[in-house]
Amino acid sequence: KMSQAAAHFRKVAQRLKEAGSLDPKVLNVDTNTLLYQVP
C-alpha cells in the first residue's frame, strides 16, 4: 500500500524539483551538520 502512495508522491517530488522548491543542497546527506548543528 505504501508503494502505491509513493508512486503518486514521486510525481509531486519531481514537480517540486523542477519548480526549484526542493534545493539539491537539502536533499543530500551533509555530515557537516554534525559540526555546525544546523537543522
Full PDB file with SEQRES, HELIX, SHEET, SSBOND, CRYST1, ORIGX, SCALE, CONECT and MASTER records, all heavy atoms in Angstrom:
SEQRES   1 A   39  LYS MET SER GLN ALA ALA ALA HIS PHE ARG LYS VAL ALA          
SEQRES   2 A   39  GLN ARG LEU LYS GLU ALA GLY SER LEU ASP PRO LYS VAL          
SEQRES   3 A   39  LEU ASN VAL ASP THR ASN THR LEU LEU TYR GLN VAL PRO          
HELIX    1 AA1 MET A    2  ALA A   19  1                                  18    
HELIX    2 AA2 PRO A   24  LEU A   27  1                                   4    
HELIX    3 AA3 THR A   33  TYR A   36  1                                   4    
CRYST1    1.000    1.000    1.000  90.00  90.00  90.00 P 1           1          
ORIGX1      1.000000  0.000000  0.000000        0.00000                         
ORIGX2      0.000000  1.000000  0.000000        0.00000                         
ORIGX3      0.000000  0.000000  1.000000        0.00000                         
SCALE1      1.000000  0.000000  0.000000        0.00000                         
SCALE2      0.000000  1.000000  0.000000        0.00000                         
SCALE3      0.000000  0.000000  1.000000        0.00000                         
ATOM      1  N   LYS A   1       0.834  -1.206   0.000  1.00  0.00           N  
ATOM      2  CA  LYS A   1       0.000   0.000   0.000  1.00  0.00           C  
ATOM      3  C   LYS A   1       0.870   1.257   0.000  1.00  0.00           C  
ATOM      4  O   LYS A   1       0.556   2.252  -0.652  1.00  0.00           O  
ATOM      5  CB  LYS A   1      -0.931  -0.004   1.216  1.00  0.00           C  
ATOM      6  CG  LYS A   1      -2.048  -1.032   1.101  1.00  0.00           C  
ATOM      7  CD  LYS A   1      -2.947  -1.014   2.326  1.00  0.00           C  
ATOM      8  CE  LYS A   1      -4.051  -2.051   2.185  1.00  0.00           C  
ATOM      9  NZ  LYS A   1      -4.878  -2.144   3.412  1.00  0.00           N  
ATOM     10  N   MET A   2       1.979   1.206   0.732  1.00  0.00           N  
ATOM     11  CA  MET A   2       2.881   2.366   0.755  1.00  0.00           C  
ATOM     12  C   MET A   2       3.527   2.580  -0.606  1.00  0.00           C  
ATOM     13  O   MET A   2       3.772   3.713  -1.015  1.00  0.00           O  
ATOM     14  CB  MET A   2       3.938   2.189   1.843  1.00  0.00           C  
ATOM     15  CG  MET A   2       3.399   2.502   3.213  1.00  0.00           C  
ATOM     16  SD  MET A   2       4.673   2.509   4.464  1.00  0.00           S  
ATOM     17  CE  MET A   2       4.799   0.783   4.749  1.00  0.00           C  
ATOM     18  N   SER A   3       3.776   1.499  -1.310  1.00  0.00           N  
ATOM     19  CA  SER A   3       4.371   1.597  -2.640  1.00  0.00           C  
ATOM     20  C   SER A   3       3.428   2.341  -3.590  1.00  0.00           C  
ATOM     21  O   SER A   3       3.862   3.160  -4.410  1.00  0.00           O  
ATOM     22  CB  SER A   3       4.673   0.197  -3.180  1.00  0.00           C  
ATOM     23  OG  SER A   3       5.204   0.282  -4.475  1.00  0.00           O  
ATOM     24  N   GLN A   4       2.130   2.080  -3.468  1.00  0.00           N  
ATOM     25  CA  GLN A   4       1.150   2.780  -4.314  1.00  0.00           C  
ATOM     26  C   GLN A   4       1.128   4.276  -3.981  1.00  0.00           C  
ATOM     27  O   GLN A   4       1.078   5.125  -4.879  1.00  0.00           O  
ATOM     28  CB  GLN A   4      -0.236   2.177  -4.084  1.00  0.00           C  
ATOM     29  CG  GLN A   4      -0.388   0.746  -4.594  1.00  0.00           C  
ATOM     30  CD  GLN A   4      -1.670   0.091  -4.077  1.00  0.00           C  
ATOM     31  OE1 GLN A   4      -2.640   0.770  -3.765  1.00  0.00           O  
ATOM     32  NE2 GLN A   4      -1.662  -1.231  -3.984  1.00  0.00           N  
ATOM     33  N   ALA A   5       1.166   4.605  -2.696  1.00  0.00           N  
ATOM     34  CA  ALA A   5       1.175   6.017  -2.300  1.00  0.00           C  
ATOM     35  C   ALA A   5       2.465   6.691  -2.768  1.00  0.00           C  
ATOM     36  O   ALA A   5       2.454   7.848  -3.220  1.00  0.00           O  
ATOM     37  CB  ALA A   5       1.034   6.133  -0.788  1.00  0.00           C  
ATOM     38  N   ALA A   6       3.581   5.980  -2.676  1.00  0.00           N  
ATOM     39  CA  ALA A   6       4.875   6.543  -3.087  1.00  0.00           C  
ATOM     40  C   ALA A   6       4.895   6.862  -4.577  1.00  0.00           C  
ATOM     41  O   ALA A   6       5.523   7.837  -5.002  1.00  0.00           O  
ATOM     42  CB  ALA A   6       5.998   5.575  -2.732  1.00  0.00           C  
ATOM     43  N   ALA A   7       4.191   6.050  -5.378  1.00  0.00           N  
ATOM     44  CA  ALA A   7       4.145   6.299  -6.825  1.00  0.00           C  
ATOM     45  C   ALA A   7       3.538   7.676  -7.106  1.00  0.00           C  
ATOM     46  O   ALA A   7       3.990   8.406  -7.995  1.00  0.00           O  
ATOM     47  CB  ALA A   7       3.328   5.203  -7.511  1.00  0.00           C  
ATOM     48  N   HIS A   8       2.504   8.039  -6.351  1.00  0.00           N  
ATOM     49  CA  HIS A   8       1.900   9.370  -6.501  1.00  0.00           C  
ATOM     50  C   HIS A   8       2.889  10.458  -6.095  1.00  0.00           C  
ATOM     51  O   HIS A   8       3.067  11.450  -6.809  1.00  0.00           O  
ATOM     52  CB  HIS A   8       0.635   9.469  -5.644  1.00  0.00           C  
ATOM     53  CG  HIS A   8       0.148  10.879  -5.463  1.00  0.00           C  
ATOM     54  ND1 HIS A   8      -0.547  11.565  -6.441  1.00  0.00           N  
ATOM     55  CD2 HIS A   8       0.291  11.748  -4.429  1.00  0.00           C  
ATOM     56  CE1 HIS A   8      -0.818  12.788  -6.015  1.00  0.00           C  
ATOM     57  NE2 HIS A   8      -0.322  12.920  -4.799  1.00  0.00           N  
ATOM     58  N   PHE A   9       3.546  10.274  -4.953  1.00  0.00           N  
ATOM     59  CA  PHE A   9       4.402  11.341  -4.425  1.00  0.00           C  
ATOM     60  C   PHE A   9       5.718  11.472  -5.186  1.00  0.00           C  
ATOM     61  O   PHE A   9       6.384  12.510  -5.089  1.00  0.00           O  
ATOM     62  CB  PHE A   9       4.627  11.160  -2.926  1.00  0.00           C  
ATOM     63  CG  PHE A   9       3.453  11.629  -2.127  1.00  0.00           C  
ATOM     64  CD1 PHE A   9       2.569  10.724  -1.565  1.00  0.00           C  
ATOM     65  CD2 PHE A   9       3.199  12.985  -1.977  1.00  0.00           C  
ATOM     66  CE1 PHE A   9       1.462  11.163  -0.859  1.00  0.00           C  
ATOM     67  CE2 PHE A   9       2.096  13.440  -1.273  1.00  0.00           C  
ATOM     68  CZ  PHE A   9       1.219  12.525  -0.709  1.00  0.00           C  
ATOM     69  N   ARG A  10       6.081  10.462  -5.985  1.00  0.00           N  
ATOM     70  CA  ARG A  10       7.258  10.634  -6.860  1.00  0.00           C  
ATOM     71  C   ARG A  10       6.999  11.743  -7.870  1.00  0.00           C  
ATOM     72  O   ARG A  10       7.882  12.542  -8.180  1.00  0.00           O  
ATOM     73  CB  ARG A  10       7.591   9.321  -7.578  1.00  0.00           C  
ATOM     74  CG  ARG A  10       8.594   8.463  -6.830  1.00  0.00           C  
ATOM     75  CD  ARG A  10       9.173   7.363  -7.692  1.00  0.00           C  
ATOM     76  NE  ARG A  10       8.195   6.340  -8.014  1.00  0.00           N  
ATOM     77  CZ  ARG A  10       7.875   5.319  -7.212  1.00  0.00           C  
ATOM     78  NH1 ARG A  10       8.471   5.197  -6.040  1.00  0.00           N  
ATOM     79  NH2 ARG A  10       6.983   4.437  -7.571  1.00  0.00           N  
ATOM     80  N   LYS A  11       5.739  11.796  -8.371  1.00  0.00           N  
ATOM     81  CA  LYS A  11       5.387  12.853  -9.330  1.00  0.00           C  
ATOM     82  C   LYS A  11       5.393  14.218  -8.640  1.00  0.00           C  
ATOM     83  O   LYS A  11       5.825  15.222  -9.206  1.00  0.00           O  
ATOM     84  CB  LYS A  11       4.006  12.564  -9.928  1.00  0.00           C  
ATOM     85  CG  LYS A  11       3.951  11.285 -10.760  1.00  0.00           C  
ATOM     86  CD  LYS A  11       2.523  10.971 -11.160  1.00  0.00           C  
ATOM     87  CE  LYS A  11       2.434   9.602 -11.818  1.00  0.00           C  
ATOM     88  NZ  LYS A  11       1.035   9.163 -12.001  1.00  0.00           N  
ATOM     89  N   VAL A  12       4.873  14.257  -7.407  1.00  0.00           N  
ATOM     90  CA  VAL A  12       4.872  15.510  -6.639  1.00  0.00           C  
ATOM     91  C   VAL A  12       6.306  15.993  -6.429  1.00  0.00           C  
ATOM     92  O   VAL A  12       6.625  17.168  -6.634  1.00  0.00           O  
ATOM     93  CB  VAL A  12       4.164  15.312  -5.279  1.00  0.00           C  
ATOM     94  CG1 VAL A  12       4.285  16.575  -4.417  1.00  0.00           C  
ATOM     95  CG2 VAL A  12       2.698  14.940  -5.482  1.00  0.00           C  
ATOM     96  N   ALA A  13       7.191  15.067  -6.013  1.00  0.00           N  
ATOM     97  CA  ALA A  13       8.595  15.432  -5.756  1.00  0.00           C  
ATOM     98  C   ALA A  13       9.255  15.958  -7.028  1.00  0.00           C  
ATOM     99  O   ALA A  13      10.025  16.926  -6.983  1.00  0.00           O  
ATOM    100  CB  ALA A  13       9.352  14.217  -5.223  1.00  0.00           C  
ATOM    101  N   GLN A  14       8.942  15.344  -8.163  1.00  0.00           N  
ATOM    102  CA  GLN A  14       9.530  15.779  -9.426  1.00  0.00           C  
ATOM    103  C   GLN A  14       9.095  17.205  -9.759  1.00  0.00           C  
ATOM    104  O   GLN A  14       9.907  18.036 -10.179  1.00  0.00           O  
ATOM    105  CB  GLN A  14       9.128  14.821 -10.553  1.00  0.00           C  
ATOM    106  CG  GLN A  14       9.841  15.076 -11.884  1.00  0.00           C  
ATOM    107  CD  GLN A  14      11.362  15.030 -11.758  1.00  0.00           C  
ATOM    108  OE1 GLN A  14      11.907  14.181 -11.055  1.00  0.00           O  
ATOM    109  NE2 GLN A  14      12.048  15.955 -12.417  1.00  0.00           N  
ATOM    110  N   ARG A  15       7.804  17.496  -9.532  1.00  0.00           N  
ATOM    111  CA  ARG A  15       7.311  18.857  -9.794  1.00  0.00           C  
ATOM    112  C   ARG A  15       8.014  19.868  -8.897  1.00  0.00           C  
ATOM    113  O   ARG A  15       8.377  20.962  -9.333  1.00  0.00           O  
ATOM    114  CB  ARG A  15       5.792  18.924  -9.543  1.00  0.00           C  
ATOM    115  CG  ARG A  15       4.941  18.346 -10.650  1.00  0.00           C  
ATOM    116  CD  ARG A  15       3.531  18.954 -10.658  1.00  0.00           C  
ATOM    117  NE  ARG A  15       2.862  18.849  -9.366  1.00  0.00           N  
ATOM    118  CZ  ARG A  15       2.157  17.803  -8.963  1.00  0.00           C  
ATOM    119  NH1 ARG A  15       2.058  16.740  -9.738  1.00  0.00           N  
ATOM    120  NH2 ARG A  15       1.563  17.807  -7.784  1.00  0.00           N  
ATOM    121  N   LEU A  16       8.203  19.518  -7.620  1.00  0.00           N  
ATOM    122  CA  LEU A  16       8.858  20.433  -6.673  1.00  0.00           C  
ATOM    123  C   LEU A  16      10.314  20.683  -7.076  1.00  0.00           C  
ATOM    124  O   LEU A  16      10.818  21.796  -6.956  1.00  0.00           O  
ATOM    125  CB  LEU A  16       8.801  19.861  -5.260  1.00  0.00           C  
ATOM    126  CG  LEU A  16       7.413  19.801  -4.615  1.00  0.00           C  
ATOM    127  CD1 LEU A  16       7.461  19.014  -3.324  1.00  0.00           C  
ATOM    128  CD2 LEU A  16       6.875  21.205  -4.361  1.00  0.00           C  
ATOM    129  N   LYS A  17      10.986  19.630  -7.561  1.00  0.00           N  
ATOM    130  CA  LYS A  17      12.383  19.795  -8.005  1.00  0.00           C  
ATOM    131  C   LYS A  17      12.445  20.708  -9.222  1.00  0.00           C  
ATOM    132  O   LYS A  17      13.293  21.600  -9.309  1.00  0.00           O  
ATOM    133  CB  LYS A  17      12.998  18.438  -8.334  1.00  0.00           C  
ATOM    134  CG  LYS A  17      13.318  17.600  -7.103  1.00  0.00           C  
ATOM    135  CD  LYS A  17      13.752  16.191  -7.494  1.00  0.00           C  
ATOM    136  CE  LYS A  17      13.886  15.301  -6.263  1.00  0.00           C  
ATOM    137  NZ  LYS A  17      14.085  13.889  -6.611  1.00  0.00           N  
ATOM    138  N   GLU A  18      11.526  20.491 -10.156  1.00  0.00           N  
ATOM    139  CA  GLU A  18      11.523  21.307 -11.375  1.00  0.00           C  
ATOM    140  C   GLU A  18      11.202  22.770 -11.067  1.00  0.00           C  
ATOM    141  O   GLU A  18      11.687  23.685 -11.725  1.00  0.00           O  
ATOM    142  CB  GLU A  18      10.506  20.734 -12.379  1.00  0.00           C  
ATOM    143  CG  GLU A  18      10.977  19.429 -13.004  1.00  0.00           C  
ATOM    144  CD  GLU A  18       9.864  18.702 -13.764  1.00  0.00           C  
ATOM    145  OE1 GLU A  18       8.735  19.237 -13.810  1.00  0.00           O  
ATOM    146  OE2 GLU A  18      10.132  17.608 -14.291  1.00  0.00           O  
ATOM    147  N   ALA A  19      10.370  22.984 -10.028  1.00  0.00           N  
ATOM    148  CA  ALA A  19       9.998  24.351  -9.644  1.00  0.00           C  
ATOM    149  C   ALA A  19      11.077  25.011  -8.795  1.00  0.00           C  
ATOM    150  O   ALA A  19      10.995  26.204  -8.485  1.00  0.00           O  
ATOM    151  CB  ALA A  19       8.684  24.335  -8.877  1.00  0.00           C  
ATOM    152  N   GLY A  20      12.088  24.243  -8.392  1.00  0.00           N  
ATOM    153  CA  GLY A  20      13.158  24.786  -7.563  1.00  0.00           C  
ATOM    154  C   GLY A  20      12.834  24.819  -6.084  1.00  0.00           C  
ATOM    155  O   GLY A  20      13.601  25.356  -5.283  1.00  0.00           O  
ATOM    156  N   SER A  21      11.689  24.237  -5.695  1.00  0.00           N  
ATOM    157  CA  SER A  21      11.310  24.237  -4.274  1.00  0.00           C  
ATOM    158  C   SER A  21      12.121  23.233  -3.472  1.00  0.00           C  
ATOM    159  O   SER A  21      12.283  23.396  -2.268  1.00  0.00           O  
ATOM    160  CB  SER A  21       9.823  23.909  -4.120  1.00  0.00           C  
ATOM    161  OG  SER A  21       9.048  24.847  -4.822  1.00  0.00           O  
ATOM    162  N   LEU A  22      12.582  22.181  -4.119  1.00  0.00           N  
ATOM    163  CA  LEU A  22      13.457  21.211  -3.456  1.00  0.00           C  
ATOM    164  C   LEU A  22      14.881  21.482  -3.915  1.00  0.00           C  
ATOM    165  O   LEU A  22      15.272  21.115  -5.021  1.00  0.00           O  
ATOM    166  CB  LEU A  22      13.057  19.773  -3.821  1.00  0.00           C  
ATOM    167  CG  LEU A  22      11.906  19.152  -3.027  1.00  0.00           C  
ATOM    168  CD1 LEU A  22      11.627  17.745  -3.530  1.00  0.00           C  
ATOM    169  CD2 LEU A  22      12.189  19.117  -1.551  1.00  0.00           C  
ATOM    170  N   ASP A  23      15.660  22.166  -3.089  1.00  0.00           N  
ATOM    171  CA  ASP A  23      17.038  22.523  -3.440  1.00  0.00           C  
ATOM    172  C   ASP A  23      17.948  21.318  -3.208  1.00  0.00           C  
ATOM    173  O   ASP A  23      17.874  20.677  -2.160  1.00  0.00           O  
ATOM    174  CB  ASP A  23      17.495  23.687  -2.559  1.00  0.00           C  
ATOM    175  CG  ASP A  23      18.790  24.306  -3.050  1.00  0.00           C  
ATOM    176  OD1 ASP A  23      19.826  23.600  -3.006  1.00  0.00           O  
ATOM    177  OD2 ASP A  23      18.773  25.475  -3.448  1.00  0.00           O  
ATOM    178  N   PRO A  24      18.816  20.987  -4.177  1.00  0.00           N  
ATOM    179  CA  PRO A  24      19.708  19.830  -4.010  1.00  0.00           C  
ATOM    180  C   PRO A  24      20.541  19.871  -2.736  1.00  0.00           C  
ATOM    181  O   PRO A  24      20.889  18.841  -2.175  1.00  0.00           O  
ATOM    182  CB  PRO A  24      20.617  19.905  -5.252  1.00  0.00           C  
ATOM    183  CG  PRO A  24      19.831  20.680  -6.256  1.00  0.00           C  
ATOM    184  CD  PRO A  24      18.985  21.638  -5.491  1.00  0.00           C  
ATOM    185  N   LYS A  25      20.835  21.087  -2.241  1.00  0.00           N  
ATOM    186  CA  LYS A  25      21.654  21.206  -1.031  1.00  0.00           C  
ATOM    187  C   LYS A  25      20.990  20.554   0.182  1.00  0.00           C  
ATOM    188  O   LYS A  25      21.665  20.123   1.105  1.00  0.00           O  
ATOM    189  CB  LYS A  25      21.927  22.680  -0.707  1.00  0.00           C  
ATOM    190  CG  LYS A  25      23.013  23.334  -1.544  1.00  0.00           C  
ATOM    191  CD  LYS A  25      23.358  24.713  -0.978  1.00  0.00           C  
ATOM    192  CE  LYS A  25      24.480  25.377  -1.758  1.00  0.00           C  
ATOM    193  NZ  LYS A  25      24.056  25.897  -3.038  1.00  0.00           N  
ATOM    194  N   VAL A  26      19.654  20.524   0.203  1.00  0.00           N  
ATOM    195  CA  VAL A  26      18.979  19.964   1.374  1.00  0.00           C  
ATOM    196  C   VAL A  26      18.474  18.543   1.135  1.00  0.00           C  
ATOM    197  O   VAL A  26      17.876  17.948   2.020  1.00  0.00           O  
ATOM    198  CB  VAL A  26      17.809  20.873   1.853  1.00  0.00           C  
ATOM    199  CG1 VAL A  26      18.320  22.217   2.267  1.00  0.00           C  
ATOM    200  CG2 VAL A  26      16.726  20.993   0.795  1.00  0.00           C  
ATOM    201  N   LEU A  27      18.716  18.005  -0.045  1.00  0.00           N  
ATOM    202  CA  LEU A  27      18.264  16.646  -0.342  1.00  0.00           C  
ATOM    203  C   LEU A  27      19.312  15.602   0.009  1.00  0.00           C  
ATOM    204  O   LEU A  27      18.988  14.446   0.269  1.00  0.00           O  
ATOM    205  CB  LEU A  27      17.924  16.515  -1.839  1.00  0.00           C  
ATOM    206  CG  LEU A  27      16.650  17.212  -2.311  1.00  0.00           C  
ATOM    207  CD1 LEU A  27      16.532  17.108  -3.819  1.00  0.00           C  
ATOM    208  CD2 LEU A  27      15.433  16.621  -1.639  1.00  0.00           C  
ATOM    209  N   ASN A  28      20.555  16.009   0.006  1.00  0.00           N  
ATOM    210  CA  ASN A  28      21.641  15.049   0.195  1.00  0.00           C  
ATOM    211  C   ASN A  28      22.117  15.017   1.645  1.00  0.00           C  
ATOM    212  O   ASN A  28      21.854  15.926   2.420  1.00  0.00           O  
ATOM    213  CB  ASN A  28      22.818  15.414  -0.730  1.00  0.00           C  
ATOM    214  CG  ASN A  28      22.410  15.414  -2.188  1.00  0.00           C  
ATOM    215  OD1 ASN A  28      21.632  14.568  -2.612  1.00  0.00           O  
ATOM    216  ND2 ASN A  28      22.911  16.366  -2.951  1.00  0.00           N  
ATOM    217  N   VAL A  29      22.857  13.961   1.953  1.00  0.00           N  
ATOM    218  CA  VAL A  29      23.482  13.856   3.276  1.00  0.00           C  
ATOM    219  C   VAL A  29      24.609  14.878   3.374  1.00  0.00           C  
ATOM    220  O   VAL A  29      25.393  15.047   2.437  1.00  0.00           O  
ATOM    221  CB  VAL A  29      24.048  12.428   3.470  1.00  0.00           C  
ATOM    222  CG1 VAL A  29      24.995  12.371   4.661  1.00  0.00           C  
ATOM    223  CG2 VAL A  29      22.910  11.438   3.654  1.00  0.00           C  
ATOM    224  N   ASP A  30      24.657  15.588   4.497  1.00  0.00           N  
ATOM    225  CA  ASP A  30      25.753  16.543   4.741  1.00  0.00           C  
ATOM    226  C   ASP A  30      26.241  16.332   6.166  1.00  0.00           C  
ATOM    227  O   ASP A  30      25.631  16.802   7.118  1.00  0.00           O  
ATOM    228  CB  ASP A  30      25.264  17.982   4.544  1.00  0.00           C  
ATOM    229  CG  ASP A  30      26.410  18.991   4.637  1.00  0.00           C  
ATOM    230  OD1 ASP A  30      27.546  18.572   4.963  1.00  0.00           O  
ATOM    231  OD2 ASP A  30      26.167  20.190   4.394  1.00  0.00           O  
ATOM    232  N   THR A  31      27.357  15.628   6.305  1.00  0.00           N  
ATOM    233  CA  THR A  31      27.864  15.326   7.647  1.00  0.00           C  
ATOM    234  C   THR A  31      28.409  16.569   8.340  1.00  0.00           C  
ATOM    235  O   THR A  31      28.674  16.539   9.541  1.00  0.00           O  
ATOM    236  CB  THR A  31      28.968  14.250   7.585  1.00  0.00           C  
ATOM    237  OG1 THR A  31      29.956  14.659   6.639  1.00  0.00           O  
ATOM    238  CG2 THR A  31      28.388  12.914   7.168  1.00  0.00           C  
ATOM    239  N   ASN A  32      28.545  17.680   7.595  1.00  0.00           N  
ATOM    240  CA  ASN A  32      28.953  18.930   8.231  1.00  0.00           C  
ATOM    241  C   ASN A  32      27.943  19.370   9.291  1.00  0.00           C  
ATOM    242  O   ASN A  32      28.273  20.145  10.190  1.00  0.00           O  
ATOM    243  CB  ASN A  32      29.087  20.044   7.179  1.00  0.00           C  
ATOM    244  CG  ASN A  32      30.404  19.957   6.441  1.00  0.00           C  
ATOM    245  OD1 ASN A  32      31.450  19.724   7.056  1.00  0.00           O  
ATOM    246  ND2 ASN A  32      30.362  20.106   5.136  1.00  0.00           N  
ATOM    247  N   THR A  33      26.702  18.879   9.153  1.00  0.00           N  
ATOM    248  CA  THR A  33      25.681  19.213  10.149  1.00  0.00           C  
ATOM    249  C   THR A  33      26.131  18.784  11.539  1.00  0.00           C  
ATOM    250  O   THR A  33      25.793  19.424  12.533  1.00  0.00           O  
ATOM    251  CB  THR A  33      24.347  18.535   9.789  1.00  0.00           C  
ATOM    252  OG1 THR A  33      23.987  18.935   8.464  1.00  0.00           O  
ATOM    253  CG2 THR A  33      23.237  18.961  10.737  1.00  0.00           C  
ATOM    254  N   LEU A  34      26.894  17.693  11.624  1.00  0.00           N  
ATOM    255  CA  LEU A  34      27.386  17.245  12.927  1.00  0.00           C  
ATOM    256  C   LEU A  34      28.347  18.267  13.530  1.00  0.00           C  
ATOM    257  O   LEU A  34      28.501  18.346  14.744  1.00  0.00           O  
ATOM    258  CB  LEU A  34      28.074  15.881  12.793  1.00  0.00           C  
ATOM    259  CG  LEU A  34      27.157  14.708  12.429  1.00  0.00           C  
ATOM    260  CD1 LEU A  34      27.966  13.481  12.079  1.00  0.00           C  
ATOM    261  CD2 LEU A  34      26.190  14.414  13.564  1.00  0.00           C  
ATOM    262  N   LEU A  35      28.977  19.059  12.660  1.00  0.00           N  
ATOM    263  CA  LEU A  35      29.886  20.102  13.146  1.00  0.00           C  
ATOM    264  C   LEU A  35      29.146  21.408  13.404  1.00  0.00           C  
ATOM    265  O   LEU A  35      29.388  22.085  14.396  1.00  0.00           O  
ATOM    266  CB  LEU A  35      30.995  20.355  12.116  1.00  0.00           C  
ATOM    267  CG  LEU A  35      31.862  19.148  11.721  1.00  0.00           C  
ATOM    268  CD1 LEU A  35      32.812  19.545  10.608  1.00  0.00           C  
ATOM    269  CD2 LEU A  35      32.629  18.621  12.920  1.00  0.00           C  
ATOM    270  N   TYR A  36      28.206  21.752  12.489  1.00  0.00           N  
ATOM    271  CA  TYR A  36      27.565  23.064  12.558  1.00  0.00           C  
ATOM    272  C   TYR A  36      26.244  23.043  13.317  1.00  0.00           C  
ATOM    273  O   TYR A  36      25.742  24.082  13.718  1.00  0.00           O  
ATOM    274  CB  TYR A  36      27.341  23.609  11.142  1.00  0.00           C  
ATOM    275  CG  TYR A  36      28.593  23.659  10.310  1.00  0.00           C  
ATOM    276  CD1 TYR A  36      28.619  23.157   9.017  1.00  0.00           C  
ATOM    277  CD2 TYR A  36      29.763  24.220  10.816  1.00  0.00           C  
ATOM    278  CE1 TYR A  36      29.769  23.205   8.247  1.00  0.00           C  
ATOM    279  CE2 TYR A  36      30.917  24.276  10.056  1.00  0.00           C  
ATOM    280  CZ  TYR A  36      30.924  23.762   8.771  1.00  0.00           C  
ATOM    281  OH  TYR A  36      32.055  23.805   8.014  1.00  0.00           O  
ATOM    282  N   GLN A  37      25.631  21.861  13.447  1.00  0.00           N  
ATOM    283  CA  GLN A  37      24.399  21.668  14.234  1.00  0.00           C  
ATOM    284  C   GLN A  37      23.235  22.491  13.689  1.00  0.00           C  
ATOM    285  O   GLN A  37      22.476  23.098  14.447  1.00  0.00           O  
ATOM    286  CB  GLN A  37      24.667  21.984  15.704  1.00  0.00           C  
ATOM    287  CG  GLN A  37      25.815  21.173  16.272  1.00  0.00           C  
ATOM    288  CD  GLN A  37      26.046  21.422  17.745  1.00  0.00           C  
ATOM    289  OE1 GLN A  37      25.345  22.199  18.363  1.00  0.00           O  
ATOM    290  NE2 GLN A  37      27.030  20.757  18.310  1.00  0.00           N  
ATOM    291  N   VAL A  38      23.083  22.497  12.369  1.00  0.00           N  
ATOM    292  CA  VAL A  38      22.065  23.312  11.723  1.00  0.00           C  
ATOM    293  C   VAL A  38      20.901  22.438  11.267  1.00  0.00           C  
ATOM    294  O   VAL A  38      21.093  21.523  10.473  1.00  0.00           O  
ATOM    295  CB  VAL A  38      22.655  24.050  10.495  1.00  0.00           C  
ATOM    296  CG1 VAL A  38      21.589  24.873   9.809  1.00  0.00           C  
ATOM    297  CG2 VAL A  38      23.818  24.938  10.924  1.00  0.00           C  
ATOM    298  N   PRO A  39      19.654  22.686  11.744  1.00  0.00           N  
ATOM    299  CA  PRO A  39      18.508  21.898  11.294  1.00  0.00           C  
ATOM    300  C   PRO A  39      18.095  22.253   9.872  1.00  0.00           C  
ATOM    301  O   PRO A  39      18.442  23.320   9.348  1.00  0.00           O  
ATOM    302  CB  PRO A  39      17.410  22.262  12.284  1.00  0.00           C  
ATOM    303  CG  PRO A  39      17.792  23.602  12.813  1.00  0.00           C  
ATOM    304  CD  PRO A  39      19.295  23.670  12.768  1.00  0.00           C  
TER     305      PRO A  39                                                      
MASTER        0    0    0    3    0    0    0    6  304    1    0    3          
END                                                                             
